[in-house]
C-alpha cells in the first residue's frame, strides 16, 4: 500500500483517510491528557500500524502528521526525528498518570 502523508492507497484503488484522522485525534487527546497530568507538554506522535502490509511512502509536498508502518522493525521509533529521550523522572510521571487512569484489573478493589 502507498502513503503520501495524507491518504492511504491500497491495491485495487481503495483509498482511505479515516484511520489517519482517528490516529491524529487520539494522539491529540493523549497529548492534552498527559499535559494536564504531568504539567508540561509531552510530544505524542500518532502511529498507524498496518501489520502484513508493505508500506511505501510516496514522495509528496505534505508533511505526514501520522507515521504509518507495518511495525516489522519498530526501531524506527528510536529515530532522532521523534525528539530526545524523555528523562527518567518524566517517564515515571507519565507512567503514574496512565496507571491512575487505567489501573491494572487485578489490583482494582
PDB file of N, CA and C in Angstrom:
ATOM      1  N   UNK A   1       0.842  -1.164   0.000  1.00  0.00           N
ATOM      2  CA  UNK A   1       0.000   0.000   0.000  1.00  0.00           C
ATOM      3  C   UNK A   1       0.889   1.230   0.000  1.00  0.00           C
ATOM      4  N   UNK A   2       0.352   2.343  -0.476  1.00  0.00           N
ATOM      5  CA  UNK A   2       1.106   3.585  -0.563  1.00  0.00           C
ATOM      6  C   UNK A   2       0.532   4.616   0.404  1.00  0.00           C
ATOM      7  N   UNK A   3       1.424   5.440   0.934  1.00  0.00           N
ATOM      8  CA  UNK A   3       1.037   6.502   1.856  1.00  0.00           C
ATOM      9  C   UNK A   3       1.751   7.772   1.437  1.00  0.00           C
ATOM     10  N   UNK A   4       0.977   8.825   1.183  1.00  0.00           N
ATOM     11  CA  UNK A   4       1.571  10.088   0.729  1.00  0.00           C
ATOM     12  C   UNK A   4       1.578  11.168   1.809  1.00  0.00           C
ATOM     13  N   UNK A   5       1.289  10.797   3.056  1.00  0.00           N
ATOM     14  CA  UNK A   5       1.239  11.763   4.140  1.00  0.00           C
ATOM     15  C   UNK A   5      -0.167  12.254   4.432  1.00  0.00           C
ATOM     16  N   UNK A   6      -1.100  11.929   3.549  1.00  0.00           N
ATOM     17  CA  UNK A   6      -2.471  12.384   3.715  1.00  0.00           C
ATOM     18  C   UNK A   6      -3.499  11.313   3.385  1.00  0.00           C
ATOM     19  N   UNK A   7      -3.075  10.296   2.637  1.00  0.00           N
ATOM     20  CA  UNK A   7      -4.017   9.314   2.119  1.00  0.00           C
ATOM     21  C   UNK A   7      -3.359   7.940   2.055  1.00  0.00           C
ATOM     22  N   UNK A   8      -4.110   6.918   2.474  1.00  0.00           N
ATOM     23  CA  UNK A   8      -3.674   5.532   2.327  1.00  0.00           C
ATOM     24  C   UNK A   8      -4.261   5.014   1.022  1.00  0.00           C
ATOM     25  N   UNK A   9      -3.418   4.467   0.166  1.00  0.00           N
ATOM     26  CA  UNK A   9      -3.882   3.924  -1.120  1.00  0.00           C
ATOM     27  C   UNK A   9      -3.566   2.434  -1.153  1.00  0.00           C
ATOM     28  N   UNK A  10      -4.634   1.648  -1.123  1.00  0.00           N
ATOM     29  CA  UNK A  10      -4.496   0.201  -1.122  1.00  0.00           C
ATOM     30  C   UNK A  10      -4.635  -0.343  -2.538  1.00  0.00           C
ATOM     31  N   UNK A  11      -4.115  -1.538  -2.773  1.00  0.00           N
ATOM     32  CA  UNK A  11      -4.281  -2.148  -4.102  1.00  0.00           C
ATOM     33  C   UNK A  11      -5.762  -2.256  -4.456  1.00  0.00           C
ATOM     34  N   UNK A  12      -6.042  -2.130  -5.722  1.00  0.00           N
ATOM     35  CA  UNK A  12      -7.421  -2.208  -6.180  1.00  0.00           C
ATOM     36  C   UNK A  12      -8.125  -0.865  -6.179  1.00  0.00           C
ATOM     37  N   UNK A  13      -7.393   0.197  -5.856  1.00  0.00           N
ATOM     38  CA  UNK A  13      -7.977   1.528  -5.915  1.00  0.00           C
ATOM     39  C   UNK A  13      -8.662   2.002  -4.648  1.00  0.00           C
ATOM     40  N   UNK A  14      -8.609   1.237  -3.581  1.00  0.00           N
ATOM     41  CA  UNK A  14      -9.238   1.656  -2.323  1.00  0.00           C
ATOM     42  C   UNK A  14      -8.366   2.732  -1.673  1.00  0.00           C
ATOM     43  N   UNK A  15      -8.987   3.866  -1.343  1.00  0.00           N
ATOM     44  CA  UNK A  15      -8.301   4.966  -0.674  1.00  0.00           C
ATOM     45  C   UNK A  15      -8.983   5.251   0.655  1.00  0.00           C
ATOM     46  N   UNK A  16      -8.173   5.578   1.662  1.00  0.00           N
ATOM     47  CA  UNK A  16      -8.729   5.748   2.999  1.00  0.00           C
ATOM     48  C   UNK A  16      -7.994   6.849   3.750  1.00  0.00           C
ATOM     49  N   UNK A  17      -8.761   7.693   4.456  1.00  0.00           N
ATOM     50  CA  UNK A  17      -8.199   8.738   5.312  1.00  0.00           C
ATOM     51  C   UNK A  17      -8.622   8.564   6.778  1.00  0.00           C
ATOM     52  N   UNK A  18      -9.745   7.908   6.988  1.00  0.00           N
ATOM     53  CA  UNK A  18     -10.316   7.845   8.337  1.00  0.00           C
ATOM     54  C   UNK A  18      -9.379   7.264   9.396  1.00  0.00           C
ATOM     55  N   UNK A  19      -8.628   6.194   9.117  1.00  0.00           N
ATOM     56  CA  UNK A  19      -7.701   5.702  10.148  1.00  0.00           C
ATOM     57  C   UNK A  19      -6.626   6.733  10.508  1.00  0.00           C
ATOM     58  N   UNK A  20      -6.191   7.517   9.536  1.00  0.00           N
ATOM     59  CA  UNK A  20      -5.204   8.567   9.794  1.00  0.00           C
ATOM     60  C   UNK A  20      -5.809   9.657  10.672  1.00  0.00           C
ATOM     61  N   UNK A  21      -7.036  10.036  10.358  1.00  0.00           N
ATOM     62  CA  UNK A  21      -7.726  11.052  11.147  1.00  0.00           C
ATOM     63  C   UNK A  21      -7.941  10.578  12.576  1.00  0.00           C
ATOM     64  N   UNK A  22      -8.321   9.311  12.737  1.00  0.00           N
ATOM     65  CA  UNK A  22      -8.537   8.778  14.077  1.00  0.00           C
ATOM     66  C   UNK A  22      -7.232   8.733  14.867  1.00  0.00           C
ATOM     67  N   UNK A  23      -6.157   8.303  14.247  1.00  0.00           N
ATOM     68  CA  UNK A  23      -4.859   8.261  14.931  1.00  0.00           C
ATOM     69  C   UNK A  23      -4.444   9.659  15.380  1.00  0.00           C
ATOM     70  N   UNK A  24      -4.652  10.656  14.530  1.00  0.00           N
ATOM     71  CA  UNK A  24      -4.309  12.034  14.886  1.00  0.00           C
ATOM     72  C   UNK A  24      -5.168  12.534  16.045  1.00  0.00           C
ATOM     73  N   UNK A  25      -6.468  12.234  16.009  1.00  0.00           N
ATOM     74  CA  UNK A  25      -7.361  12.655  17.110  1.00  0.00           C
ATOM     75  C   UNK A  25      -6.953  11.996  18.421  1.00  0.00           C
ATOM     76  N   UNK A  26      -6.642  10.711  18.374  1.00  0.00           N
ATOM     77  CA  UNK A  26      -6.237  10.001  19.600  1.00  0.00           C
ATOM     78  C   UNK A  26      -4.931  10.563  20.157  1.00  0.00           C
ATOM     79  N   UNK A  27      -3.997  10.898  19.264  1.00  0.00           N
ATOM     80  CA  UNK A  27      -2.735  11.488  19.712  1.00  0.00           C
ATOM     81  C   UNK A  27      -2.971  12.860  20.341  1.00  0.00           C
ATOM     82  N   UNK A  28      -3.865  13.652  19.758  1.00  0.00           N
ATOM     83  CA  UNK A  28      -4.187  14.958  20.332  1.00  0.00           C
ATOM     84  C   UNK A  28      -4.801  14.801  21.719  1.00  0.00           C
ATOM     85  N   UNK A  29      -5.709  13.823  21.861  1.00  0.00           N
ATOM     86  CA  UNK A  29      -6.318  13.583  23.171  1.00  0.00           C
ATOM     87  C   UNK A  29      -5.248  13.182  24.187  1.00  0.00           C
ATOM     88  N   UNK A  30      -4.366  12.255  23.804  1.00  0.00           N
ATOM     89  CA  UNK A  30      -3.319  11.803  24.726  1.00  0.00           C
ATOM     90  C   UNK A  30      -2.377  12.941  25.078  1.00  0.00           C
ATOM     91  N   UNK A  31      -2.067  13.783  24.121  1.00  0.00           N
ATOM     92  CA  UNK A  31      -1.223  14.958  24.357  1.00  0.00           C
ATOM     93  C   UNK A  31      -1.831  15.828  25.456  1.00  0.00           C
ATOM     94  N   UNK A  32      -3.122  16.161  25.322  1.00  0.00           N
ATOM     95  CA  UNK A  32      -3.803  17.002  26.318  1.00  0.00           C
ATOM     96  C   UNK A  32      -3.895  16.299  27.674  1.00  0.00           C
ATOM     97  N   UNK A  33      -4.216  14.999  27.644  1.00  0.00           N
ATOM     98  CA  UNK A  33      -4.342  14.242  28.884  1.00  0.00           C
ATOM     99  C   UNK A  33      -3.020  14.209  29.650  1.00  0.00           C
ATOM    100  N   UNK A  34      -1.932  13.904  28.947  1.00  0.00           N
ATOM    101  CA  UNK A  34      -0.633  13.850  29.619  1.00  0.00           C
ATOM    102  C   UNK A  34      -0.199  15.225  30.106  1.00  0.00           C
ATOM    103  N   UNK A  35      -0.442  16.241  29.316  1.00  0.00           N
ATOM    104  CA  UNK A  35      -0.065  17.590  29.731  1.00  0.00           C
ATOM    105  C   UNK A  35      -0.799  17.999  31.007  1.00  0.00           C
ATOM    106  N   UNK A  36      -2.081  17.656  31.093  1.00  0.00           N
ATOM    107  CA  UNK A  36      -2.836  18.003  32.299  1.00  0.00           C
ATOM    108  C   UNK A  36      -2.359  17.185  33.495  1.00  0.00           C
ATOM    109  N   UNK A  37      -1.852  15.979  33.248  1.00  0.00           N
ATOM    110  CA  UNK A  37      -1.421  15.123  34.348  1.00  0.00           C
ATOM    111  C   UNK A  37      -0.014  15.379  34.833  1.00  0.00           C
ATOM    112  N   UNK A  38       0.897  15.752  33.941  1.00  0.00           N
ATOM    113  CA  UNK A  38       2.300  15.955  34.345  1.00  0.00           C
ATOM    114  C   UNK A  38       2.678  17.425  34.409  1.00  0.00           C
ATOM    115  N   UNK A  39       1.831  18.302  33.854  1.00  0.00           N
ATOM    116  CA  UNK A  39       2.091  19.721  33.968  1.00  0.00           C
ATOM    117  C   UNK A  39       3.033  20.295  32.929  1.00  0.00           C
ATOM    118  N   UNK A  40       3.349  19.526  31.917  1.00  0.00           N
ATOM    119  CA  UNK A  40       4.178  20.062  30.832  1.00  0.00           C
ATOM    120  C   UNK A  40       3.819  19.366  29.531  1.00  0.00           C
ATOM    121  N   UNK A  41       4.203  20.004  28.444  1.00  0.00           N
ATOM    122  CA  UNK A  41       3.892  19.490  27.108  1.00  0.00           C
ATOM    123  C   UNK A  41       4.677  18.205  26.858  1.00  0.00           C
ATOM    124  N   UNK A  42       3.966  17.172  26.413  1.00  0.00           N
ATOM    125  CA  UNK A  42       4.574  15.897  26.046  1.00  0.00           C
ATOM    126  C   UNK A  42       4.285  15.681  24.568  1.00  0.00           C
ATOM    127  N   UNK A  43       5.320  15.469  23.780  1.00  0.00           N
ATOM    128  CA  UNK A  43       5.112  15.251  22.349  1.00  0.00           C
ATOM    129  C   UNK A  43       4.576  13.843  22.120  1.00  0.00           C
ATOM    130  N   UNK A  44       3.431  13.767  21.481  1.00  0.00           N
ATOM    131  CA  UNK A  44       2.815  12.489  21.161  1.00  0.00           C
ATOM    132  C   UNK A  44       2.785  12.368  19.640  1.00  0.00           C
ATOM    133  N   UNK A  45       3.364  11.294  19.130  1.00  0.00           N
ATOM    134  CA  UNK A  45       3.417  11.058  17.687  1.00  0.00           C
ATOM    135  C   UNK A  45       2.446   9.933  17.346  1.00  0.00           C
ATOM    136  N   UNK A  46       1.422  10.229  16.522  1.00  0.00           N
ATOM    137  CA  UNK A  46       0.494   9.162  16.143  1.00  0.00           C
ATOM    138  C   UNK A  46       1.149   8.179  15.178  1.00  0.00           C
ATOM    139  N   UNK A  47       0.945   6.899  15.451  1.00  0.00           N
ATOM    140  CA  UNK A  47       1.465   5.834  14.598  1.00  0.00           C
ATOM    141  C   UNK A  47       0.301   4.923  14.221  1.00  0.00           C
ATOM    142  N   UNK A  48       0.149   4.679  12.942  1.00  0.00           N
ATOM    143  CA  UNK A  48      -0.863   3.754  12.453  1.00  0.00           C
ATOM    144  C   UNK A  48      -0.145   2.474  12.040  1.00  0.00           C
ATOM    145  N   UNK A  49      -0.458   1.382  12.716  1.00  0.00           N
ATOM    146  CA  UNK A  49       0.172   0.086  12.424  1.00  0.00           C
ATOM    147  C   UNK A  49      -0.689  -0.694  11.446  1.00  0.00           C
ATOM    148  N   UNK A  50      -0.058  -1.146  10.376  1.00  0.00           N
ATOM    149  CA  UNK A  50      -0.742  -1.963   9.370  1.00  0.00           C
ATOM    150  C   UNK A  50       0.033  -3.268   9.183  1.00  0.00           C
ATOM    151  N   UNK A  51      -0.075  -4.180  10.162  1.00  0.00           N
ATOM    152  CA  UNK A  51       0.657  -5.440  10.063  1.00  0.00           C
ATOM    153  C   UNK A  51       0.303  -6.200   8.789  1.00  0.00           C
ATOM    154  N   UNK A  52       1.314  -6.760   8.161  1.00  0.00           N
ATOM    155  CA  UNK A  52       1.103  -7.560   6.969  1.00  0.00           C
ATOM    156  C   UNK A  52       1.162  -6.776   5.677  1.00  0.00           C
ATOM    157  N   UNK A  53       1.155  -5.462   5.755  1.00  0.00           N
ATOM    158  CA  UNK A  53       1.213  -4.637   4.548  1.00  0.00           C
ATOM    159  C   UNK A  53       2.629  -4.128   4.336  1.00  0.00           C
ATOM    160  N   UNK A  54       3.044  -4.058   3.101  1.00  0.00           N
ATOM    161  CA  UNK A  54       4.288  -3.383   2.758  1.00  0.00           C
ATOM    162  C   UNK A  54       3.901  -1.930   2.509  1.00  0.00           C
ATOM    163  N   UNK A  55       4.429  -1.029   3.316  1.00  0.00           N
ATOM    164  CA  UNK A  55       4.056   0.377   3.239  1.00  0.00           C
ATOM    165  C   UNK A  55       5.120   1.136   2.457  1.00  0.00           C
ATOM    166  N   UNK A  56       4.693   1.752   1.365  1.00  0.00           N
ATOM    167  CA  UNK A  56       5.583   2.581   0.556  1.00  0.00           C
ATOM    168  C   UNK A  56       5.235   4.035   0.802  1.00  0.00           C
ATOM    169  N   UNK A  57       6.208   4.809   1.235  1.00  0.00           N
ATOM    170  CA  UNK A  57       5.995   6.255   1.441  1.00  0.00           C
ATOM    171  C   UNK A  57       6.216   6.940   0.107  1.00  0.00           C
ATOM    172  N   UNK A  58       5.155   7.467  -0.449  1.00  0.00           N
ATOM    173  CA  UNK A  58       5.205   8.144  -1.748  1.00  0.00           C
ATOM    174  C   UNK A  58       5.645   9.589  -1.517  1.00  0.00           C
ATOM    175  N   UNK A  59       6.643  10.066  -2.256  1.00  0.00           N
ATOM    176  CA  UNK A  59       7.067  11.462  -2.088  1.00  0.00           C
ATOM    177  C   UNK A  59       5.902  12.425  -2.301  1.00  0.00           C
ATOM    178  N   UNK A  60       5.852  13.429  -1.460  1.00  0.00           N
ATOM    179  CA  UNK A  60       4.757  14.394  -1.509  1.00  0.00           C
ATOM    180  C   UNK A  60       5.235  15.693  -0.879  1.00  0.00           C
ATOM    181  N   UNK A  61       4.542  16.764  -1.171  1.00  0.00           N
ATOM    182  CA  UNK A  61       4.842  18.047  -0.527  1.00  0.00           C
ATOM    183  C   UNK A  61       4.266  18.095   0.880  1.00  0.00           C
ATOM    184  N   UNK A  62       3.434  17.126   1.212  1.00  0.00           N
ATOM    185  CA  UNK A  62       2.777  17.107   2.516  1.00  0.00           C
ATOM    186  C   UNK A  62       3.708  16.566   3.588  1.00  0.00           C
ATOM    187  N   UNK A  63       3.673  17.192   4.740  1.00  0.00           N
ATOM    188  CA  UNK A  63       4.394  16.674   5.898  1.00  0.00           C
ATOM    189  C   UNK A  63       3.428  15.736   6.623  1.00  0.00           C
ATOM    190  N   UNK A  64       3.812  14.497   6.746  1.00  0.00           N
ATOM    191  CA  UNK A  64       2.920  13.498   7.345  1.00  0.00           C
ATOM    192  C   UNK A  64       2.708  13.785   8.826  1.00  0.00           C
ATOM    193  N   UNK A  65       1.475  13.862   9.247  1.00  0.00           N
ATOM    194  CA  UNK A  65       1.124  14.046  10.662  1.00  0.00           C
ATOM    195  C   UNK A  65       1.161  12.702  11.384  1.00  0.00           C
ATOM    196  N   UNK A  66       0.838  11.634  10.643  1.00  0.00           N
ATOM    197  CA  UNK A  66       0.768  10.292  11.208  1.00  0.00           C
ATOM    198  C   UNK A  66       1.852   9.427  10.571  1.00  0.00           C
ATOM    199  N   UNK A  67       2.560   8.689  11.397  1.00  0.00           N
ATOM    200  CA  UNK A  67       3.531   7.722  10.911  1.00  0.00           C
ATOM    201  C   UNK A  67       2.769   6.438  10.592  1.00  0.00           C
ATOM    202  N   UNK A  68       2.992   5.881   9.414  1.00  0.00           N
ATOM    203  CA  UNK A  68       2.335   4.638   9.015  1.00  0.00           C
ATOM    204  C   UNK A  68       3.418   3.592   8.826  1.00  0.00           C
ATOM    205  N   UNK A  69       3.234   2.433   9.459  1.00  0.00           N
ATOM    206  CA  UNK A  69       4.242   1.381   9.405  1.00  0.00           C
ATOM    207  C   UNK A  69       3.587   0.021   9.551  1.00  0.00           C
ATOM    208  N   UNK A  70       4.256  -1.009   9.031  1.00  0.00           N
ATOM    209  CA  UNK A  70       3.786  -2.367   9.292  1.00  0.00           C
ATOM    210  C   UNK A  70       4.391  -2.897  10.592  1.00  0.00           C
ATOM    211  N   UNK A  71       5.259  -2.118  11.183  1.00  0.00           N
ATOM    212  CA  UNK A  71       5.866  -2.375  12.504  1.00  0.00           C
ATOM    213  C   UNK A  71       6.674  -3.663  12.567  1.00  0.00           C
ATOM    214  N   UNK A  72       7.192  -4.116  11.435  1.00  0.00           N
ATOM    215  CA  UNK A  72       8.071  -5.282  11.484  1.00  0.00           C
ATOM    216  C   UNK A  72       9.417  -4.915  12.088  1.00  0.00           C
ATOM    217  N   UNK A  73       9.779  -3.638  12.025  1.00  0.00           N
ATOM    218  CA  UNK A  73      11.026  -3.172  12.610  1.00  0.00           C
ATOM    219  C   UNK A  73      10.736  -1.884  13.384  1.00  0.00           C
ATOM    220  N   UNK A  74      10.284  -2.001  14.632  1.00  0.00           N
ATOM    221  CA  UNK A  74       9.894  -0.809  15.380  1.00  0.00           C
ATOM    222  C   UNK A  74      11.067   0.070  15.816  1.00  0.00           C
ATOM    223  N   UNK A  75      12.287  -0.284  15.438  1.00  0.00           N
ATOM    224  CA  UNK A  75      13.444   0.543  15.790  1.00  0.00           C
ATOM    225  C   UNK A  75      13.330   1.949  15.217  1.00  0.00           C
ATOM    226  N   UNK A  76      12.507   2.132  14.167  1.00  0.00           N
ATOM    227  CA  UNK A  76      12.344   3.466  13.589  1.00  0.00           C
ATOM    228  C   UNK A  76      11.820   4.462  14.622  1.00  0.00           C
ATOM    229  N   UNK A  77      11.149   3.967  15.666  1.00  0.00           N
ATOM    230  CA  UNK A  77      10.619   4.852  16.695  1.00  0.00           C
ATOM    231  C   UNK A  77      11.718   5.486  17.544  1.00  0.00           C
ATOM    232  N   UNK A  78      12.926   4.951  17.465  1.00  0.00           N
ATOM    233  CA  UNK A  78      14.054   5.491  18.227  1.00  0.00           C
ATOM    234  C   UNK A  78      14.785   6.579  17.442  1.00  0.00           C
ATOM    235  N   UNK A  79      14.301   6.901  16.259  1.00  0.00           N
ATOM    236  CA  UNK A  79      14.937   7.883  15.388  1.00  0.00           C
ATOM    237  C   UNK A  79      14.971   9.260  16.050  1.00  0.00           C
ATOM    238  N   UNK A  80      16.000  10.025  15.765  1.00  0.00           N
ATOM    239  CA  UNK A  80      16.164  11.362  16.337  1.00  0.00           C
ATOM    240  C   UNK A  80      14.995  12.297  16.017  1.00  0.00           C
ATOM    241  N   UNK A  81      14.306  12.070  14.882  1.00  0.00           N
ATOM    242  CA  UNK A  81      13.232  12.988  14.490  1.00  0.00           C
ATOM    243  C   UNK A  81      12.060  12.975  15.464  1.00  0.00           C
ATOM    244  N   UNK A  82      12.014  11.982  16.336  1.00  0.00           N
ATOM    245  CA  UNK A  82      10.956  11.937  17.334  1.00  0.00           C
ATOM    246  C   UNK A  82      11.341  12.688  18.603  1.00  0.00           C
ATOM    247  N   UNK A  83      12.520  13.271  18.607  1.00  0.00           N
ATOM    248  CA  UNK A  83      12.968  14.064  19.745  1.00  0.00           C
ATOM    249  C   UNK A  83      13.863  13.278  20.676  1.00  0.00           C
ATOM    250  N   UNK A  84      14.449  13.981  21.627  1.00  0.00           N
ATOM    251  CA  UNK A  84      15.344  13.311  22.574  1.00  0.00           C
ATOM    252  C   UNK A  84      14.555  12.406  23.518  1.00  0.00           C
ATOM    253  N   UNK A  85      15.222  11.427  24.084  1.00  0.00           N
ATOM    254  CA  UNK A  85      14.539  10.554  25.055  1.00  0.00           C
ATOM    255  C   UNK A  85      14.029  11.366  26.246  1.00  0.00           C
ATOM    256  N   UNK A  86      12.915  10.922  26.804  1.00  0.00           N
ATOM    257  CA  UNK A  86      12.366  11.580  27.988  1.00  0.00           C
ATOM    258  C   UNK A  86      13.208  11.210  29.204  1.00  0.00           C
ATOM    259  N   UNK A  87      13.293  12.129  30.152  1.00  0.00           N
ATOM    260  CA  UNK A  87      14.049  11.856  31.379  1.00  0.00           C
ATOM    261  C   UNK A  87      13.343  10.769  32.191  1.00  0.00           C
ATOM    262  N   UNK A  88      14.102  10.106  33.023  1.00  0.00           N
ATOM    263  CA  UNK A  88      13.534   9.049  33.871  1.00  0.00           C
ATOM    264  C   UNK A  88      12.426   9.585  34.778  1.00  0.00           C
ATOM    265  N   UNK A  89      12.608  10.737  35.444  1.00  0.00           N
ATOM    266  CA  UNK A  89      11.509  11.259  36.280  1.00  0.00           C
ATOM    267  C   UNK A  89      10.241  11.549  35.473  1.00  0.00           C
ATOM    268  N   UNK A  90      10.402  12.085  34.264  1.00  0.00           N
ATOM    269  CA  UNK A  90       9.234  12.367  33.441  1.00  0.00           C
ATOM    270  C   UNK A  90       8.561  11.078  32.991  1.00  0.00           C
ATOM    271  N   UNK A  91       9.335  10.056  32.653  1.00  0.00           N
ATOM    272  CA  UNK A  91       8.746   8.760  32.286  1.00  0.00           C
ATOM    273  C   UNK A  91       7.966   8.174  33.457  1.00  0.00           C
ATOM    274  N   UNK A  92       8.491   8.322  34.673  1.00  0.00           N
ATOM    275  CA  UNK A  92       7.772   7.822  35.854  1.00  0.00           C
ATOM    276  C   UNK A  92       6.468   8.589  36.065  1.00  0.00           C
ATOM    277  N   UNK A  93       6.500   9.904  35.844  1.00  0.00           N
ATOM    278  CA  UNK A  93       5.279  10.710  35.974  1.00  0.00           C
ATOM    279  C   UNK A  93       4.232  10.266  34.966  1.00  0.00           C
ATOM    280  N   UNK A  94       4.655  10.066  33.733  1.00  0.00           N
ATOM    281  CA  UNK A  94       3.733   9.631  32.686  1.00  0.00           C
ATOM    282  C   UNK A  94       3.145   8.270  33.039  1.00  0.00           C
ATOM    283  N   UNK A  95       3.994   7.349  33.496  1.00  0.00           N
ATOM    284  CA  UNK A  95       3.509   6.020  33.880  1.00  0.00           C
ATOM    285  C   UNK A  95       2.496   6.128  35.016  1.00  0.00           C
ATOM    286  N   UNK A  96       2.757   7.007  35.968  1.00  0.00           N
ATOM    287  CA  UNK A  96       1.831   7.180  37.090  1.00  0.00           C
ATOM    288  C   UNK A  96       0.483   7.714  36.612  1.00  0.00           C
ATOM    289  N   UNK A  97       0.512   8.732  35.759  1.00  0.00           N
ATOM    290  CA  UNK A  97      -0.731   9.314  35.229  1.00  0.00           C
ATOM    291  C   UNK A  97      -1.532   8.258  34.477  1.00  0.00           C
ATOM    292  N   UNK A  98      -0.857   7.455  33.673  1.00  0.00           N
ATOM    293  CA  UNK A  98      -1.555   6.422  32.899  1.00  0.00           C
ATOM    294  C   UNK A  98      -2.108   5.317  33.792  1.00  0.00           C
ATOM    295  N   UNK A  99      -1.358   4.897  34.810  1.00  0.00           N
ATOM    296  CA  UNK A  99      -1.868   3.835  35.682  1.00  0.00           C
ATOM    297  C   UNK A  99      -2.986   4.334  36.593  1.00  0.00           C
ATOM    298  N   UNK A 100      -3.009   5.624  36.901  1.00  0.00           N
ATOM    299  CA  UNK A 100      -4.138   6.177  37.650  1.00  0.00           C
ATOM    300  C   UNK A 100      -5.407   6.130  36.797  1.00  0.00           C
ATOM    301  N   UNK A 101      -5.270   6.430  35.520  1.00  0.00           N
ATOM    302  CA  UNK A 101      -6.425   6.426  34.606  1.00  0.00           C
ATOM    303  C   UNK A 101      -6.832   5.002  34.238  1.00  0.00           C
ATOM    304  N   UNK A 102      -5.844   4.142  34.029  1.00  0.00           N
ATOM    305  CA  UNK A 102      -6.076   2.767  33.586  1.00  0.00           C
ATOM    306  C   UNK A 102      -5.394   1.785  34.533  1.00  0.00           C
ATOM    307  N   UNK A 103      -5.965   1.597  35.730  1.00  0.00           N
ATOM    308  CA  UNK A 103      -5.344   0.667  36.672  1.00  0.00           C
ATOM    309  C   UNK A 103      -5.401  -0.785  36.169  1.00  0.00           C
ATOM    310  N   UNK A 104      -4.460  -1.566  36.641  1.00  0.00           N
ATOM    311  CA  UNK A 104      -4.469  -2.992  36.270  1.00  0.00           C
ATOM    312  C   UNK A 104      -5.723  -3.631  36.857  1.00  0.00           C
ATOM    313  N   UNK A 105      -6.399  -4.463  36.057  1.00  0.00           N
ATOM    314  CA  UNK A 105      -7.639  -5.087  36.544  1.00  0.00           C
ATOM    315  C   UNK A 105      -7.444  -5.924  37.800  1.00  0.00           C
ATOM    316  N   UNK A 106      -6.290  -6.558  37.958  1.00  0.00           N
ATOM    317  CA  UNK A 106      -6.076  -7.443  39.108  1.00  0.00           C
ATOM    318  C   UNK A 106      -5.827  -6.688  40.408  1.00  0.00           C
ATOM    319  N   UNK A 107      -5.650  -5.366  40.356  1.00  0.00           N
ATOM    320  CA  UNK A 107      -5.440  -4.593  41.594  1.00  0.00           C
ATOM    321  C   UNK A 107      -6.591  -3.632  41.870  1.00  0.00           C
ATOM    322  N   UNK A 108      -7.664  -3.743  41.104  1.00  0.00           N
ATOM    323  CA  UNK A 108      -8.844  -2.894  41.322  1.00  0.00           C
ATOM    324  C   UNK A 108      -9.735  -3.555  42.375  1.00  0.00           C
ATOM    325  N   UNK A 109      -9.804  -2.985  43.527  1.00  0.00           N
ATOM    326  CA  UNK A 109     -10.683  -3.489  44.588  1.00  0.00           C
ATOM    327  C   UNK A 109     -11.385  -2.364  45.265  1.00  0.00           C
TER     328      UNK A 109
END
